């Protein structure tokens, strides 16, 4: 009977030993997975830093370009208004010259 108990005890010890070894293997595999995920996280954080810096640069360029375009549009608008005034003044001057020429023609024919 003590031999049976001894075998059962040894069997139980080996069973627990195998379970512990199995848990150690799972723990090691999980540690490898953790290391891999930490590397991936680190890479993603670097990518985010790079993308954040690039986004800031693009936003700065965009703001500067929008301001420049606004200046261009204002200059165009002011130039068009000035051109319109020149055309109107030219038309008025041309009409005055025509009337003056007509008056001179009438005066020289009489």
C-alpha atoms as a PDB file:
ATOM      1  CA  UNK A   1       0.000   0.000   0.000  1.00  0.00           C
ATOM      2  CA  UNK A   2       2.837   2.358   0.716  1.00  0.00           C
ATOM      3  CA  UNK A   3       4.197   1.589  -2.745  1.00  0.00           C
ATOM      4  CA  UNK A   4       0.903   2.629  -4.303  1.00  0.00           C
ATOM      5  CA  UNK A   5       0.855   5.774  -2.183  1.00  0.00           C
ATOM      6  CA  UNK A   6       4.448   6.412  -3.123  1.00  0.00           C
ATOM      7  CA  UNK A   7       3.636   6.019  -6.814  1.00  0.00           C
ATOM      8  CA  UNK A   8       0.614   8.287  -6.476  1.00  0.00           C
ATOM      9  CA  UNK A   9       2.730  10.879  -4.712  1.00  0.00           C
ATOM     10  CA  UNK A  10       5.424  10.688  -7.384  1.00  0.00           C
ATOM     11  CA  UNK A  11       2.773  10.849 -10.099  1.00  0.00           C
ATOM     12  CA  UNK A  12       1.242  13.882  -8.436  1.00  0.00           C
ATOM     13  CA  UNK A  13       4.636  15.582  -8.150  1.00  0.00           C
ATOM     14  CA  UNK A  14       5.379  14.927 -11.835  1.00  0.00           C
ATOM     15  CA  UNK A  15       1.914  16.171 -12.771  1.00  0.00           C
ATOM     16  CA  UNK A  16       2.508  19.427 -10.884  1.00  0.00           C
ATOM     17  CA  UNK A  17       6.017  19.690 -12.311  1.00  0.00           C
ATOM     18  CA  UNK A  18       4.618  19.387 -15.868  1.00  0.00           C
ATOM     19  CA  UNK A  19       1.963  21.994 -15.128  1.00  0.00           C
ATOM     20  CA  UNK A  20       4.610  24.371 -13.786  1.00  0.00           C
ATOM     21  CA  UNK A  21       6.794  23.760 -16.855  1.00  0.00           C
ATOM     22  CA  UNK A  22       3.772  24.349 -19.103  1.00  0.00           C
ATOM     23  CA  UNK A  23       3.014  27.629 -17.299  1.00  0.00           C
ATOM     24  CA  UNK A  24       6.677  28.681 -17.642  1.00  0.00           C
ATOM     25  CA  UNK A  25       6.523  28.071 -21.415  1.00  0.00           C
ATOM     26  CA  UNK A  26       3.329  30.103 -21.649  1.00  0.00           C
ATOM     27  CA  UNK A  27       4.928  32.857 -19.583  1.00  0.00           C
ATOM     28  CA  UNK A  28       8.008  32.919 -21.845  1.00  0.00           C
ATOM     29  CA  UNK A  29       5.829  33.023 -24.969  1.00  0.00           C
ATOM     30  CA  UNK A  30       3.804  35.837 -23.443  1.00  0.00           C
ATOM     31  CA  UNK A  31       7.001  37.715 -22.559  1.00  0.00           C
ATOM     32  CA  UNK A  32       8.098  37.498 -26.219  1.00  0.00           C
ATOM     33  CA  UNK A  33       4.705  38.806 -27.290  1.00  0.00           C
ATOM     34  CA  UNK A  34       4.968  41.652 -24.766  1.00  0.00           C
ATOM     35  CA  UNK A  35       8.415  42.614 -26.095  1.00  0.00           C
ATOM     36  CA  UNK A  36       7.131  42.558 -29.659  1.00  0.00           C
ATOM     37  CA  UNK A  37       4.129  44.723 -28.763  1.00  0.00           C
ATOM     38  CA  UNK A  38       6.357  47.160 -26.850  1.00  0.00           C
ATOM     39  CA  UNK A  39       8.598  47.497 -29.926  1.00  0.00           C
ATOM     40  CA  UNK A  40       5.534  48.088 -32.074  1.00  0.00           C
ATOM     41  CA  UNK A  41       4.252  50.691 -29.589  1.00  0.00           C
ATOM     42  CA  UNK A  42       7.633  52.438 -29.603  1.00  0.00           C
ATOM     43  CA  UNK A  43       7.655  52.497 -33.406  1.00  0.00           C
ATOM     44  CA  UNK A  44       4.120  53.854 -33.490  1.00  0.00           C
ATOM     45  CA  UNK A  45       5.022  56.551 -30.965  1.00  0.00           C
ATOM     46  CA  UNK A  46       7.979  57.572 -33.144  1.00  0.00           C
ATOM     47  CA  UNK A  47       5.702  57.628 -36.172  1.00  0.00           C
ATOM     48  CA  UNK A  48       3.205  59.771 -34.264  1.00  0.00           C
ATOM     49  CA  UNK A  49       5.947  62.212 -33.248  1.00  0.00           C
ATOM     50  CA  UNK A  50       7.065  62.445 -36.853  1.00  0.00           C
ATOM     51  CA  UNK A  51       3.515  62.852 -38.123  1.00  0.00           C
ATOM     52  CA  UNK A  52       2.738  65.446 -35.451  1.00  0.00           C
ATOM     53  CA  UNK A  53       5.792  67.465 -36.474  1.00  0.00           C
ATOM     54  CA  UNK A  54       4.832  67.144 -40.149  1.00  0.00           C
ATOM     55  CA  UNK A  55       1.254  68.201 -39.370  1.00  0.00           C
ATOM     56  CA  UNK A  56       2.515  71.291 -37.550  1.00  0.00           C
ATOM     57  CA  UNK A  57       4.712  72.144 -40.541  1.00  0.00           C
ATOM     58  CA  UNK A  58       1.841  71.674 -43.000  1.00  0.00           C
ATOM     59  CA  UNK A  59      -0.468  73.801 -40.842  1.00  0.00           C
ATOM     60  CA  UNK A  60       2.154  76.549 -40.689  1.00  0.00           C
ATOM     61  CA  UNK A  61       2.631  76.461 -44.470  1.00  0.00           C
ATOM     62  CA  UNK A  62      -1.116  76.404 -44.988  1.00  0.00           C
ATOM     63  CA  UNK A  63      -1.632  79.452 -42.765  1.00  0.00           C
ATOM     64  CA  UNK A  64       1.136  81.343 -44.541  1.00  0.00           C
ATOM     65  CA  UNK A  65      -0.242  80.420 -47.982  1.00  0.00           C
ATOM     66  CA  UNK A  66      -3.780  81.420 -47.008  1.00  0.00           C
ATOM     67  CA  UNK A  67      -2.501  84.813 -45.793  1.00  0.00           C
ATOM     68  CA  UNK A  68      -0.508  85.282 -49.009  1.00  0.00           C
ATOM     69  CA  UNK A  69      -3.527  84.364 -51.139  1.00  0.00           C
ATOM     70  CA  UNK A  70      -5.628  86.838 -49.157  1.00  0.00           C
ATOM     71  CA  UNK A  71      -3.030  89.535 -49.931  1.00  0.00           C
ATOM     72  CA  UNK A  72      -3.056  88.586 -53.626  1.00  0.00           C
ATOM     73  CA  UNK A  73      -6.853  88.704 -53.744  1.00  0.00           C
ATOM     74  CA  UNK A  74      -6.882  92.134 -52.053  1.00  0.00           C
ATOM     75  CA  UNK A  75      -4.246  93.452 -54.476  1.00  0.00           C
ATOM     76  CA  UNK A  76      -6.182  92.069 -57.441  1.00  0.00           C
ATOM     77  CA  UNK A  77      -9.403  93.648 -56.174  1.00  0.00           C
ATOM     78  CA  UNK A  78      -7.730  97.016 -55.594  1.00  0.00           C
ATOM     79  CA  UNK A  79      -6.031  96.848 -59.025  1.00  0.00           C
ATOM     80  CA  UNK A  80      -9.313  96.000 -60.740  1.00  0.00           C
ATOM     81  CA  UNK A  81     -11.026  98.912 -58.998  1.00  0.00           C
ATOM     82  CA  UNK A  82      -8.229 101.268 -60.038  1.00  0.00           C
ATOM     83  CA  UNK A  83      -8.382  99.956 -63.606  1.00  0.00           C
ATOM     84  CA  UNK A  84     -12.150 100.521 -63.653  1.00  0.00           C
ATOM     85  CA  UNK A  85     -11.591 104.127 -62.546  1.00  0.00           C
ATOM     86  CA  UNK A  86      -8.965 104.604 -65.274  1.00  0.00           C
ATOM     87  CA  UNK A  87     -11.375 103.224 -67.878  1.00  0.00           C
ATOM     88  CA  UNK A  88     -14.182 105.471 -66.642  1.00  0.00           C
ATOM     89  CA  UNK A  89     -11.896 108.512 -66.620  1.00  0.00           C
ATOM     90  CA  UNK A  90     -10.624 107.645 -70.083  1.00  0.00           C
ATOM     91  CA  UNK A  91     -14.168 107.334 -71.354  1.00  0.00           C
ATOM     92  CA  UNK A  92     -15.116 110.698 -69.846  1.00  0.00           C
ATOM     93  CA  UNK A  93     -11.979 112.295 -71.321  1.00  0.00           C
ATOM     94  CA  UNK A  94     -12.646 110.711 -74.707  1.00  0.00           C
ATOM     95  CA  UNK A  95     -16.229 112.011 -74.680  1.00  0.00           C
ATOM     96  CA  UNK A  96     -15.005 115.477 -73.732  1.00  0.00           C
ATOM     97  CA  UNK A  97     -12.453 115.426 -76.570  1.00  0.00           C
ATOM     98  CA  UNK A  98     -15.104 114.322 -79.060  1.00  0.00           C
ATOM     99  CA  UNK A  99     -17.408 117.148 -77.988  1.00  0.00           C
ATOM    100  CA  UNK A 100     -14.553 119.611 -78.132  1.00  0.00           C
ATOM    101  CA  UNK A 101     -13.592 118.352 -81.599  1.00  0.00           C
ATOM    102  CA  UNK A 102     -17.192 118.686 -82.737  1.00  0.00           C
ATOM    103  CA  UNK A 103     -17.325 122.231 -81.384  1.00  0.00           C
ATOM    104  CA  UNK A 104     -14.068 123.095 -83.140  1.00  0.00           C
ATOM    105  CA  UNK A 105     -15.345 121.609 -86.397  1.00  0.00           C
ATOM    106  CA  UNK A 106     -18.541 123.631 -86.127  1.00  0.00           C
ATOM    107  CA  UNK A 107     -16.542 126.743 -85.354  1.00  0.00           C
ATOM    108  CA  UNK A 108     -14.195 126.332 -88.294  1.00  0.00           C
ATOM    109  CA  UNK A 109     -16.994 125.645 -90.783  1.00  0.00           C
ATOM    110  CA  UNK A 110     -18.858 128.808 -89.897  1.00  0.00           C
END
